[in-house]
């Protein structure tokens, strides 16, 4: 459960629900259950062996991929927040 908690707290794995019945009540069917990320993405990523191995074997590629992942997480997080606000 520790890894799952880190994934959620880093924003890598946001928790949300979609209830289509709410739409018929005039409410937003998309509910974002996660809060803003509490920890840096690398604090989750590098607890995983697959990412640590990449960092050890090819640090430049690992840094590039981490930067891309940060951007993707930030974009997705902003999109989910917009969806939850409407």
N, C-alpha and C. Protein backbone atom coordinates (compact mmCIF):
# COMPACT_ATOMS: atom_id res chain seq x y z
N UNK A 1 0.81 -1.20 0.00
CA UNK A 1 0.00 0.00 0.00
C UNK A 1 0.86 1.27 0.00
N UNK A 2 2.10 1.14 0.41
CA UNK A 2 2.97 2.31 0.48
C UNK A 2 3.21 2.90 -0.91
N UNK A 3 3.46 2.04 -1.89
CA UNK A 3 3.72 2.52 -3.26
C UNK A 3 2.49 3.21 -3.83
N UNK A 4 1.32 2.63 -3.58
CA UNK A 4 0.10 3.24 -4.09
C UNK A 4 -0.11 4.63 -3.48
N UNK A 5 0.17 4.75 -2.19
CA UNK A 5 0.02 6.04 -1.52
C UNK A 5 0.98 7.07 -2.13
N UNK A 6 2.22 6.67 -2.37
CA UNK A 6 3.18 7.58 -2.98
C UNK A 6 2.74 7.99 -4.38
N UNK A 7 2.21 7.04 -5.14
CA UNK A 7 1.75 7.35 -6.50
C UNK A 7 0.64 8.40 -6.48
N UNK A 8 -0.28 8.26 -5.53
CA UNK A 8 -1.38 9.22 -5.41
C UNK A 8 -0.85 10.56 -4.92
N UNK A 9 0.01 10.55 -3.90
CA UNK A 9 0.52 11.80 -3.33
C UNK A 9 1.41 12.58 -4.29
N UNK A 10 2.00 11.90 -5.26
CA UNK A 10 2.85 12.59 -6.24
C UNK A 10 2.05 13.12 -7.43
N UNK A 11 0.78 12.73 -7.53
CA UNK A 11 -0.03 13.14 -8.67
C UNK A 11 0.07 12.19 -9.85
N UNK A 12 0.93 11.18 -9.73
CA UNK A 12 1.12 10.21 -10.82
C UNK A 12 -0.17 9.41 -11.05
N UNK A 13 -0.89 9.12 -9.96
CA UNK A 13 -2.10 8.31 -10.04
C UNK A 13 -3.22 9.02 -9.29
N UNK A 14 -3.88 9.98 -9.92
CA UNK A 14 -4.95 10.71 -9.22
C UNK A 14 -6.18 9.83 -9.02
N UNK A 15 -6.86 10.07 -7.94
CA UNK A 15 -8.09 9.34 -7.64
C UNK A 15 -9.28 10.20 -8.03
N UNK A 16 -10.20 9.60 -8.79
CA UNK A 16 -11.39 10.32 -9.21
C UNK A 16 -12.52 9.34 -9.41
N UNK A 17 -13.74 9.90 -9.49
CA UNK A 17 -14.94 9.10 -9.74
C UNK A 17 -15.75 9.77 -10.84
N UNK A 18 -16.53 8.96 -11.53
CA UNK A 18 -17.45 9.49 -12.53
C UNK A 18 -18.80 8.83 -12.28
N UNK A 19 -19.79 9.64 -11.94
CA UNK A 19 -21.12 9.14 -11.66
C UNK A 19 -22.10 9.80 -12.62
N UNK A 20 -22.51 9.11 -13.69
CA UNK A 20 -23.38 9.73 -14.68
C UNK A 20 -24.74 10.14 -14.12
N UNK A 21 -25.18 9.53 -13.01
CA UNK A 21 -26.47 9.90 -12.41
C UNK A 21 -26.46 11.35 -11.93
N UNK A 22 -25.30 11.84 -11.53
CA UNK A 22 -25.21 13.23 -11.06
C UNK A 22 -25.55 14.23 -12.15
N UNK A 23 -25.26 13.86 -13.39
CA UNK A 23 -25.53 14.76 -14.51
C UNK A 23 -27.03 15.03 -14.64
N UNK A 24 -27.85 14.02 -14.41
CA UNK A 24 -29.30 14.21 -14.49
C UNK A 24 -29.82 15.10 -13.35
N UNK A 25 -29.02 15.25 -12.29
CA UNK A 25 -29.38 16.13 -11.18
C UNK A 25 -28.79 17.53 -11.36
N UNK A 26 -28.15 17.76 -12.50
CA UNK A 26 -27.55 19.05 -12.76
C UNK A 26 -26.21 19.25 -12.08
N UNK A 27 -25.61 18.16 -11.62
CA UNK A 27 -24.32 18.23 -10.94
C UNK A 27 -23.23 17.69 -11.85
N UNK A 28 -22.00 18.03 -11.52
CA UNK A 28 -20.85 17.55 -12.28
C UNK A 28 -20.65 16.06 -12.00
N UNK A 29 -20.67 15.21 -13.02
CA UNK A 29 -20.48 13.78 -12.79
C UNK A 29 -19.04 13.38 -12.48
N UNK A 30 -18.10 14.28 -12.74
CA UNK A 30 -16.68 14.00 -12.50
C UNK A 30 -16.29 14.55 -11.14
N UNK A 31 -15.78 13.68 -10.28
CA UNK A 31 -15.37 14.09 -8.93
C UNK A 31 -13.91 13.72 -8.73
N UNK A 32 -13.10 14.71 -8.48
CA UNK A 32 -11.67 14.51 -8.23
C UNK A 32 -11.49 14.32 -6.73
N UNK A 33 -11.07 13.13 -6.33
CA UNK A 33 -10.91 12.81 -4.91
C UNK A 33 -9.52 13.14 -4.38
N UNK A 34 -8.54 13.19 -5.25
CA UNK A 34 -7.17 13.49 -4.83
C UNK A 34 -7.02 14.98 -4.54
N UNK A 35 -6.08 15.28 -3.67
CA UNK A 35 -5.69 16.66 -3.40
C UNK A 35 -4.49 17.00 -4.27
N UNK A 36 -4.10 18.25 -4.28
CA UNK A 36 -2.90 18.64 -5.03
C UNK A 36 -1.73 17.76 -4.60
N UNK A 37 -0.81 17.46 -5.52
CA UNK A 37 0.34 16.62 -5.17
C UNK A 37 1.09 17.16 -3.95
N UNK A 38 1.43 16.23 -3.06
CA UNK A 38 2.13 16.59 -1.81
C UNK A 38 3.62 16.33 -1.89
N UNK A 39 4.02 15.41 -2.75
CA UNK A 39 5.43 15.05 -2.85
C UNK A 39 5.89 15.22 -4.29
N UNK A 40 7.18 15.37 -4.47
CA UNK A 40 7.75 15.49 -5.81
C UNK A 40 7.63 14.15 -6.54
N UNK A 41 7.45 14.20 -7.83
CA UNK A 41 7.29 12.98 -8.62
C UNK A 41 8.46 12.03 -8.43
N UNK A 42 9.68 12.55 -8.39
CA UNK A 42 10.84 11.67 -8.25
C UNK A 42 10.86 10.95 -6.90
N UNK A 43 10.19 11.51 -5.89
CA UNK A 43 10.11 10.82 -4.60
C UNK A 43 9.30 9.53 -4.70
N UNK A 44 8.39 9.48 -5.65
CA UNK A 44 7.68 8.23 -5.93
C UNK A 44 8.44 7.39 -6.96
N UNK A 45 8.79 8.02 -8.07
CA UNK A 45 9.39 7.30 -9.20
C UNK A 45 10.60 6.46 -8.77
N UNK A 46 11.49 7.07 -8.01
CA UNK A 46 12.74 6.37 -7.70
C UNK A 46 12.64 5.40 -6.53
N UNK A 47 11.42 5.18 -6.03
CA UNK A 47 11.22 4.06 -5.10
C UNK A 47 10.92 2.78 -5.87
N UNK A 48 10.68 2.92 -7.17
CA UNK A 48 10.40 1.78 -8.04
C UNK A 48 11.70 1.30 -8.67
N UNK A 49 11.94 0.01 -8.59
CA UNK A 49 13.16 -0.57 -9.12
C UNK A 49 13.37 -0.31 -10.59
N UNK A 50 12.32 -0.35 -11.37
CA UNK A 50 12.44 -0.15 -12.82
C UNK A 50 12.98 1.23 -13.15
N UNK A 51 12.58 2.24 -12.38
CA UNK A 51 13.07 3.59 -12.63
C UNK A 51 14.47 3.80 -12.05
N UNK A 52 14.74 3.18 -10.92
CA UNK A 52 16.09 3.28 -10.34
C UNK A 52 17.12 2.66 -11.26
N UNK A 53 16.77 1.53 -11.87
CA UNK A 53 17.70 0.86 -12.79
C UNK A 53 18.01 1.75 -13.99
N UNK A 54 17.01 2.43 -14.50
CA UNK A 54 17.24 3.35 -15.62
C UNK A 54 18.14 4.49 -15.18
N UNK A 55 17.90 5.01 -13.99
CA UNK A 55 18.72 6.11 -13.48
C UNK A 55 20.18 5.68 -13.34
N UNK A 56 20.40 4.45 -12.92
CA UNK A 56 21.77 3.95 -12.75
C UNK A 56 22.44 3.66 -14.09
N UNK A 57 21.68 3.10 -15.02
CA UNK A 57 22.28 2.69 -16.29
C UNK A 57 22.39 3.83 -17.30
N UNK A 58 21.46 4.77 -17.24
CA UNK A 58 21.46 5.87 -18.21
C UNK A 58 20.88 7.13 -17.55
N UNK A 59 21.67 7.81 -16.73
CA UNK A 59 21.16 8.97 -15.99
C UNK A 59 20.60 10.09 -16.87
N UNK A 60 21.20 10.30 -18.04
CA UNK A 60 20.72 11.37 -18.91
C UNK A 60 19.31 11.06 -19.41
N UNK A 61 19.10 9.83 -19.85
CA UNK A 61 17.78 9.43 -20.33
C UNK A 61 16.77 9.46 -19.18
N UNK A 62 17.19 9.04 -18.00
CA UNK A 62 16.30 9.04 -16.84
C UNK A 62 15.86 10.47 -16.51
N UNK A 63 16.78 11.41 -16.59
CA UNK A 63 16.45 12.81 -16.30
C UNK A 63 15.47 13.35 -17.34
N UNK A 64 15.73 13.05 -18.60
CA UNK A 64 14.85 13.50 -19.67
C UNK A 64 13.44 12.93 -19.49
N UNK A 65 13.38 11.63 -19.22
CA UNK A 65 12.08 10.99 -19.05
C UNK A 65 11.35 11.50 -17.81
N UNK A 66 12.09 11.76 -16.74
CA UNK A 66 11.47 12.32 -15.53
C UNK A 66 10.90 13.70 -15.82
N UNK A 67 11.63 14.52 -16.55
CA UNK A 67 11.12 15.85 -16.92
C UNK A 67 9.85 15.74 -17.75
N UNK A 68 9.83 14.81 -18.70
CA UNK A 68 8.64 14.61 -19.52
C UNK A 68 7.48 14.10 -18.67
N UNK A 69 7.77 13.22 -17.74
CA UNK A 69 6.72 12.69 -16.85
C UNK A 69 6.16 13.80 -15.96
N UNK A 70 7.03 14.66 -15.46
CA UNK A 70 6.57 15.79 -14.63
C UNK A 70 5.60 16.67 -15.43
N UNK A 71 5.97 16.96 -16.67
CA UNK A 71 5.11 17.79 -17.51
C UNK A 71 3.77 17.10 -17.77
N UNK A 72 3.81 15.81 -18.05
CA UNK A 72 2.58 15.07 -18.32
C UNK A 72 1.68 15.03 -17.08
N UNK A 73 2.27 14.80 -15.92
CA UNK A 73 1.50 14.77 -14.68
C UNK A 73 0.87 16.14 -14.42
N UNK A 74 1.64 17.20 -14.62
CA UNK A 74 1.12 18.55 -14.40
C UNK A 74 -0.02 18.87 -15.36
N UNK A 75 0.14 18.51 -16.63
CA UNK A 75 -0.94 18.75 -17.62
C UNK A 75 -2.19 17.98 -17.25
N UNK A 76 -2.01 16.71 -16.93
CA UNK A 76 -3.16 15.86 -16.59
C UNK A 76 -3.85 16.39 -15.33
N UNK A 77 -3.04 16.79 -14.34
CA UNK A 77 -3.60 17.30 -13.09
C UNK A 77 -4.44 18.55 -13.34
N UNK A 78 -3.93 19.47 -14.15
CA UNK A 78 -4.68 20.69 -14.46
C UNK A 78 -5.97 20.37 -15.22
N UNK A 79 -5.90 19.41 -16.11
CA UNK A 79 -7.10 19.01 -16.86
C UNK A 79 -8.14 18.42 -15.93
N UNK A 80 -7.73 17.57 -15.01
CA UNK A 80 -8.68 16.97 -14.07
C UNK A 80 -9.29 18.03 -13.15
N UNK A 81 -8.49 19.01 -12.73
CA UNK A 81 -9.02 20.08 -11.88
C UNK A 81 -10.07 20.90 -12.65
N UNK A 82 -9.81 21.16 -13.92
CA UNK A 82 -10.79 21.88 -14.74
C UNK A 82 -12.07 21.07 -14.89
N UNK A 83 -11.91 19.78 -15.13
CA UNK A 83 -13.08 18.92 -15.29
C UNK A 83 -13.91 18.87 -14.01
N UNK A 84 -13.25 18.85 -12.87
CA UNK A 84 -13.96 18.78 -11.59
C UNK A 84 -14.64 20.11 -11.25
N UNK A 85 -14.12 21.21 -11.77
CA UNK A 85 -14.66 22.54 -11.45
C UNK A 85 -15.90 22.88 -12.27
N UNK A 86 -16.09 22.23 -13.38
CA UNK A 86 -17.23 22.58 -14.24
C UNK A 86 -18.48 21.83 -13.87
